[in-house]
Amino acid sequence: GNGGGGGETCTAPAWDPARVYNGGDTVSYGGHNWRAKWWVTGDKPGTTGQWGVWEDLGAC
């Protein structure tokens, strides 16, 4: 269960530029967790901007 602790840990798999991600998939990259908003492959988390495919879930 959820212990109610603060902060996420980098439990998501590391981002892989060769992999296809679907909306809702999470990855870790650059010390942050990221969630794909839609289908994506090859776009590096943190480079797509506020309206890009990767949602920054915060440091982990």
PDB file of N, CA and C in Angstrom:
ATOM      1  N   GLY A   1       0.815  -1.202   0.000  1.00  0.00           N
ATOM      2  CA  GLY A   1       0.000   0.000   0.000  1.00  0.00           C
ATOM      3  C   GLY A   1       0.848   1.250   0.000  1.00  0.00           C
ATOM      4  N   ASN A   2       0.185   2.375  -0.002  1.00  0.00           N
ATOM      5  CA  ASN A   2       0.855   3.661  -0.010  1.00  0.00           C
ATOM      6  C   ASN A   2       1.057   4.103   1.421  1.00  0.00           C
ATOM      7  N   GLY A   3       2.320   4.338   1.797  1.00  0.00           N
ATOM      8  CA  GLY A   3       2.623   4.751   3.153  1.00  0.00           C
ATOM      9  C   GLY A   3       2.381   6.222   3.409  1.00  0.00           C
ATOM     10  N   GLY A   4       1.959   6.954   2.373  1.00  0.00           N
ATOM     11  CA  GLY A   4       1.666   8.363   2.555  1.00  0.00           C
ATOM     12  C   GLY A   4       2.914   9.226   2.618  1.00  0.00           C
ATOM     13  N   GLY A   5       4.068   8.670   2.226  1.00  0.00           N
ATOM     14  CA  GLY A   5       5.301   9.441   2.263  1.00  0.00           C
ATOM     15  C   GLY A   5       5.301  10.529   1.214  1.00  0.00           C
ATOM     16  N   GLY A   6       6.093  11.548   1.448  1.00  0.00           N
ATOM     17  CA  GLY A   6       6.190  12.636   0.489  1.00  0.00           C
ATOM     18  C   GLY A   6       7.225  12.320  -0.573  1.00  0.00           C
ATOM     19  N   GLY A   7       6.973  12.744  -1.786  1.00  0.00           N
ATOM     20  CA  GLY A   7       7.967  12.613  -2.843  1.00  0.00           C
ATOM     21  C   GLY A   7       7.939  11.258  -3.501  1.00  0.00           C
ATOM     22  N   GLU A   8       8.110  11.275  -4.790  1.00  0.00           N
ATOM     23  CA  GLU A   8       8.159  10.036  -5.555  1.00  0.00           C
ATOM     24  C   GLU A   8       9.590   9.524  -5.572  1.00  0.00           C
ATOM     25  N   THR A   9       9.729   8.228  -5.747  1.00  0.00           N
ATOM     26  CA  THR A   9      11.051   7.676  -5.983  1.00  0.00           C
ATOM     27  C   THR A   9      11.152   7.320  -7.452  1.00  0.00           C
ATOM     28  N   CYS A  10      12.388   7.210  -7.925  1.00  0.00           N
ATOM     29  CA  CYS A  10      12.594   6.906  -9.340  1.00  0.00           C
ATOM     30  C   CYS A  10      12.396   5.411  -9.570  1.00  0.00           C
ATOM     31  N   THR A  11      11.150   4.978  -9.404  1.00  0.00           N
ATOM     32  CA  THR A  11      10.852   3.566  -9.594  1.00  0.00           C
ATOM     33  C   THR A  11      10.477   3.272 -11.034  1.00  0.00           C
ATOM     34  N   ALA A  12      10.176   4.303 -11.796  1.00  0.00           N
ATOM     35  CA  ALA A  12       9.831   4.104 -13.203  1.00  0.00           C
ATOM     36  C   ALA A  12      11.083   3.666 -13.964  1.00  0.00           C
ATOM     37  N   PRO A  13      10.908   2.869 -15.009  1.00  0.00           N
ATOM     38  CA  PRO A  13      12.069   2.452 -15.802  1.00  0.00           C
ATOM     39  C   PRO A  13      12.715   3.648 -16.479  1.00  0.00           C
ATOM     40  N   ALA A  14      14.010   3.571 -16.676  1.00  0.00           N
ATOM     41  CA  ALA A  14      14.727   4.653 -17.351  1.00  0.00           C
ATOM     42  C   ALA A  14      14.192   4.835 -18.766  1.00  0.00           C
ATOM     43  N   TRP A  15      14.143   6.086 -19.200  1.00  0.00           N
ATOM     44  CA  TRP A  15      13.693   6.393 -20.558  1.00  0.00           C
ATOM     45  C   TRP A  15      14.612   5.737 -21.575  1.00  0.00           C
ATOM     46  N   ASP A  16      14.016   5.131 -22.578  1.00  0.00           N
ATOM     47  CA  ASP A  16      14.746   4.444 -23.646  1.00  0.00           C
ATOM     48  C   ASP A  16      14.356   5.083 -24.975  1.00  0.00           C
ATOM     49  N   PRO A  17      15.312   5.722 -25.672  1.00  0.00           N
ATOM     50  CA  PRO A  17      14.956   6.431 -26.911  1.00  0.00           C
ATOM     51  C   PRO A  17      14.438   5.524 -28.015  1.00  0.00           C
ATOM     52  N   ALA A  18      14.699   4.231 -27.909  1.00  0.00           N
ATOM     53  CA  ALA A  18      14.268   3.307 -28.960  1.00  0.00           C
ATOM     54  C   ALA A  18      12.885   2.730 -28.698  1.00  0.00           C
ATOM     55  N   ARG A  19      12.368   2.944 -27.491  1.00  0.00           N
ATOM     56  CA  ARG A  19      11.105   2.325 -27.121  1.00  0.00           C
ATOM     57  C   ARG A  19       9.924   3.201 -27.506  1.00  0.00           C
ATOM     58  N   VAL A  20       8.808   2.559 -27.808  1.00  0.00           N
ATOM     59  CA  VAL A  20       7.550   3.266 -28.052  1.00  0.00           C
ATOM     60  C   VAL A  20       6.777   3.323 -26.736  1.00  0.00           C
ATOM     61  N   TYR A  21       6.374   4.517 -26.349  1.00  0.00           N
ATOM     62  CA  TYR A  21       5.587   4.706 -25.135  1.00  0.00           C
ATOM     63  C   TYR A  21       4.174   5.134 -25.508  1.00  0.00           C
ATOM     64  N   ASN A  22       3.221   4.647 -24.744  1.00  0.00           N
ATOM     65  CA  ASN A  22       1.824   5.016 -24.932  1.00  0.00           C
ATOM     66  C   ASN A  22       1.401   5.988 -23.835  1.00  0.00           C
ATOM     67  N   GLY A  23       0.301   6.679 -24.053  1.00  0.00           N
ATOM     68  CA  GLY A  23      -0.199   7.611 -23.055  1.00  0.00           C
ATOM     69  C   GLY A  23      -0.361   6.937 -21.700  1.00  0.00           C
ATOM     70  N   GLY A  24       0.145   7.584 -20.655  1.00  0.00           N
ATOM     71  CA  GLY A  24       0.066   7.038 -19.306  1.00  0.00           C
ATOM     72  C   GLY A  24       1.307   6.297 -18.872  1.00  0.00           C
ATOM     73  N   ASP A  25       2.186   5.966 -19.827  1.00  0.00           N
ATOM     74  CA  ASP A  25       3.438   5.305 -19.457  1.00  0.00           C
ATOM     75  C   ASP A  25       4.330   6.282 -18.698  1.00  0.00           C
ATOM     76  N   THR A  26       5.046   5.772 -17.702  1.00  0.00           N
ATOM     77  CA  THR A  26       5.955   6.616 -16.936  1.00  0.00           C
ATOM     78  C   THR A  26       7.384   6.140 -17.116  1.00  0.00           C
ATOM     79  N   VAL A  27       8.299   7.107 -17.079  1.00  0.00           N
ATOM     80  CA  VAL A  27       9.728   6.817 -17.171  1.00  0.00           C
ATOM     81  C   VAL A  27      10.456   7.704 -16.172  1.00  0.00           C
ATOM     82  N   SER A  28      11.697   7.350 -15.894  1.00  0.00           N
ATOM     83  CA  SER A  28      12.562   8.243 -15.134  1.00  0.00           C
ATOM     84  C   SER A  28      13.682   8.711 -16.050  1.00  0.00           C
ATOM     85  N   TYR A  29      14.017   9.998 -15.917  1.00  0.00           N
ATOM     86  CA  TYR A  29      15.075  10.577 -16.736  1.00  0.00           C
ATOM     87  C   TYR A  29      15.544  11.867 -16.082  1.00  0.00           C
ATOM     88  N   GLY A  30      16.848  12.022 -15.962  1.00  0.00           N
ATOM     89  CA  GLY A  30      17.400  13.266 -15.432  1.00  0.00           C
ATOM     90  C   GLY A  30      16.979  13.567 -14.008  1.00  0.00           C
ATOM     91  N   GLY A  31      16.720  12.525 -13.217  1.00  0.00           N
ATOM     92  CA  GLY A  31      16.333  12.729 -11.827  1.00  0.00           C
ATOM     93  C   GLY A  31      14.877  13.107 -11.632  1.00  0.00           C
ATOM     94  N   HIS A  32      14.091  12.973 -12.682  1.00  0.00           N
ATOM     95  CA  HIS A  32      12.657  13.262 -12.606  1.00  0.00           C
ATOM     96  C   HIS A  32      11.867  12.065 -13.122  1.00  0.00           C
ATOM     97  N   ASN A  33      10.629  11.949 -12.640  1.00  0.00           N
ATOM     98  CA  ASN A  33       9.674  11.032 -13.250  1.00  0.00           C
ATOM     99  C   ASN A  33       8.883  11.795 -14.296  1.00  0.00           C
ATOM    100  N   TRP A  34       8.576  11.123 -15.386  1.00  0.00           N
ATOM    101  CA  TRP A  34       7.834  11.725 -16.495  1.00  0.00           C
ATOM    102  C   TRP A  34       6.718  10.788 -16.925  1.00  0.00           C
ATOM    103  N   ARG A  35       5.592  11.368 -17.354  1.00  0.00           N
ATOM    104  CA  ARG A  35       4.477  10.570 -17.856  1.00  0.00           C
ATOM    105  C   ARG A  35       4.158  11.015 -19.279  1.00  0.00           C
ATOM    106  N   ALA A  36       4.037  10.019 -20.158  1.00  0.00           N
ATOM    107  CA  ALA A  36       3.672  10.318 -21.545  1.00  0.00           C
ATOM    108  C   ALA A  36       2.194  10.670 -21.616  1.00  0.00           C
ATOM    109  N   LYS A  37       1.878  11.769 -22.293  1.00  0.00           N
ATOM    110  CA  LYS A  37       0.481  12.168 -22.450  1.00  0.00           C
ATOM    111  C   LYS A  37      -0.165  11.447 -23.622  1.00  0.00           C
ATOM    112  N   TRP A  38       0.634  11.003 -24.561  1.00  0.00           N
ATOM    113  CA  TRP A  38       0.141  10.267 -25.724  1.00  0.00           C
ATOM    114  C   TRP A  38       1.286   9.439 -26.272  1.00  0.00           C
ATOM    115  N   TRP A  39       1.052   8.763 -27.374  1.00  0.00           N
ATOM    116  CA  TRP A  39       2.049   7.905 -28.010  1.00  0.00           C
ATOM    117  C   TRP A  39       3.291   8.724 -28.336  1.00  0.00           C
ATOM    118  N   VAL A  40       4.448   8.183 -28.028  1.00  0.00           N
ATOM    119  CA  VAL A  40       5.698   8.910 -28.294  1.00  0.00           C
ATOM    120  C   VAL A  40       6.842   7.924 -28.423  1.00  0.00           C
ATOM    121  N   THR A  41       7.794   8.261 -29.258  1.00  0.00           N
ATOM    122  CA  THR A  41       9.050   7.533 -29.314  1.00  0.00           C
ATOM    123  C   THR A  41      10.147   8.502 -29.713  1.00  0.00           C
ATOM    124  N   GLY A  42      11.283   8.432 -29.036  1.00  0.00           N
ATOM    125  CA  GLY A  42      12.451   9.216 -29.406  1.00  0.00           C
ATOM    126  C   GLY A  42      12.505  10.627 -28.857  1.00  0.00           C
ATOM    127  N   ASP A  43      11.393  11.171 -28.359  1.00  0.00           N
ATOM    128  CA  ASP A  43      11.416  12.523 -27.804  1.00  0.00           C
ATOM    129  C   ASP A  43      11.927  12.474 -26.371  1.00  0.00           C
ATOM    130  N   LYS A  44      13.039  13.155 -26.131  1.00  0.00           N
ATOM    131  CA  LYS A  44      13.681  13.122 -24.815  1.00  0.00           C
ATOM    132  C   LYS A  44      12.851  13.908 -23.802  1.00  0.00           C
ATOM    133  N   PRO A  45      12.555  13.311 -22.640  1.00  0.00           N
ATOM    134  CA  PRO A  45      11.833  14.061 -21.602  1.00  0.00           C
ATOM    135  C   PRO A  45      12.575  15.340 -21.234  1.00  0.00           C
ATOM    136  N   GLY A  46      11.821  16.416 -21.042  1.00  0.00           N
ATOM    137  CA  GLY A  46      12.407  17.683 -20.663  1.00  0.00           C
ATOM    138  C   GLY A  46      12.741  18.578 -21.836  1.00  0.00           C
ATOM    139  N   THR A  47      12.577  18.077 -23.057  1.00  0.00           N
ATOM    140  CA  THR A  47      12.915  18.883 -24.225  1.00  0.00           C
ATOM    141  C   THR A  47      11.686  19.275 -25.031  1.00  0.00           C
ATOM    142  N   THR A  48      10.520  18.776 -24.635  1.00  0.00           N
ATOM    143  CA  THR A  48       9.325  19.004 -25.447  1.00  0.00           C
ATOM    144  C   THR A  48       8.499  20.181 -24.941  1.00  0.00           C
ATOM    145  N   GLY A  49       8.904  20.787 -23.825  1.00  0.00           N
ATOM    146  CA  GLY A  49       8.229  21.982 -23.343  1.00  0.00           C
ATOM    147  C   GLY A  49       6.954  21.685 -22.572  1.00  0.00           C
ATOM    148  N   GLN A  50       6.350  22.759 -22.081  1.00  0.00           N
ATOM    149  CA  GLN A  50       5.166  22.656 -21.224  1.00  0.00           C
ATOM    150  C   GLN A  50       4.022  21.936 -21.919  1.00  0.00           C
ATOM    151  N   TRP A  51       3.899  22.139 -23.236  1.00  0.00           N
ATOM    152  CA  TRP A  51       2.779  21.557 -23.963  1.00  0.00           C
ATOM    153  C   TRP A  51       3.203  20.298 -24.707  1.00  0.00           C
ATOM    154  N   GLY A  52       4.402  19.812 -24.431  1.00  0.00           N
ATOM    155  CA  GLY A  52       4.901  18.623 -25.107  1.00  0.00           C
ATOM    156  C   GLY A  52       4.312  17.345 -24.549  1.00  0.00           C
ATOM    157  N   VAL A  53       4.822  16.256 -25.061  1.00  0.00           N
ATOM    158  CA  VAL A  53       4.262  14.946 -24.750  1.00  0.00           C
ATOM    159  C   VAL A  53       4.579  14.493 -23.325  1.00  0.00           C
ATOM    160  N   TRP A  54       5.707  14.931 -22.769  1.00  0.00           N
ATOM    161  CA  TRP A  54       6.123  14.446 -21.453  1.00  0.00           C
ATOM    162  C   TRP A  54       5.673  15.395 -20.352  1.00  0.00           C
ATOM    163  N   GLU A  55       4.913  14.859 -19.422  1.00  0.00           N
ATOM    164  CA  GLU A  55       4.494  15.620 -18.239  1.00  0.00           C
ATOM    165  C   GLU A  55       5.492  15.372 -17.122  1.00  0.00           C
ATOM    166  N   ASP A  56       6.063  16.442 -16.591  1.00  0.00           N
ATOM    167  CA  ASP A  56       7.041  16.327 -15.507  1.00  0.00           C
ATOM    168  C   ASP A  56       6.305  16.034 -14.208  1.00  0.00           C
ATOM    169  N   LEU A  57       6.572  14.866 -13.636  1.00  0.00           N
ATOM    170  CA  LEU A  57       5.928  14.479 -12.381  1.00  0.00           C
ATOM    171  C   LEU A  57       6.750  14.904 -11.174  1.00  0.00           C
ATOM    172  N   GLY A  58       7.870  15.564 -11.420  1.00  0.00           N
ATOM    173  CA  GLY A  58       8.675  16.080 -10.319  1.00  0.00           C
ATOM    174  C   GLY A  58       9.931  15.267 -10.071  1.00  0.00           C
ATOM    175  N   ALA A  59      10.778  15.834  -9.245  1.00  0.00           N
ATOM    176  CA  ALA A  59      12.045  15.182  -8.928  1.00  0.00           C
ATOM    177  C   ALA A  59      11.801  13.901  -8.146  1.00  0.00           C
ATOM    178  N   CYS A  60      12.714  12.972  -8.299  1.00  0.00           N
ATOM    179  CA  CYS A  60      12.580  11.691  -7.606  1.00  0.00           C
ATOM    180  C   CYS A  60      13.957  11.202  -7.185  1.00  0.00           C
TER     181      CYS A  60
END
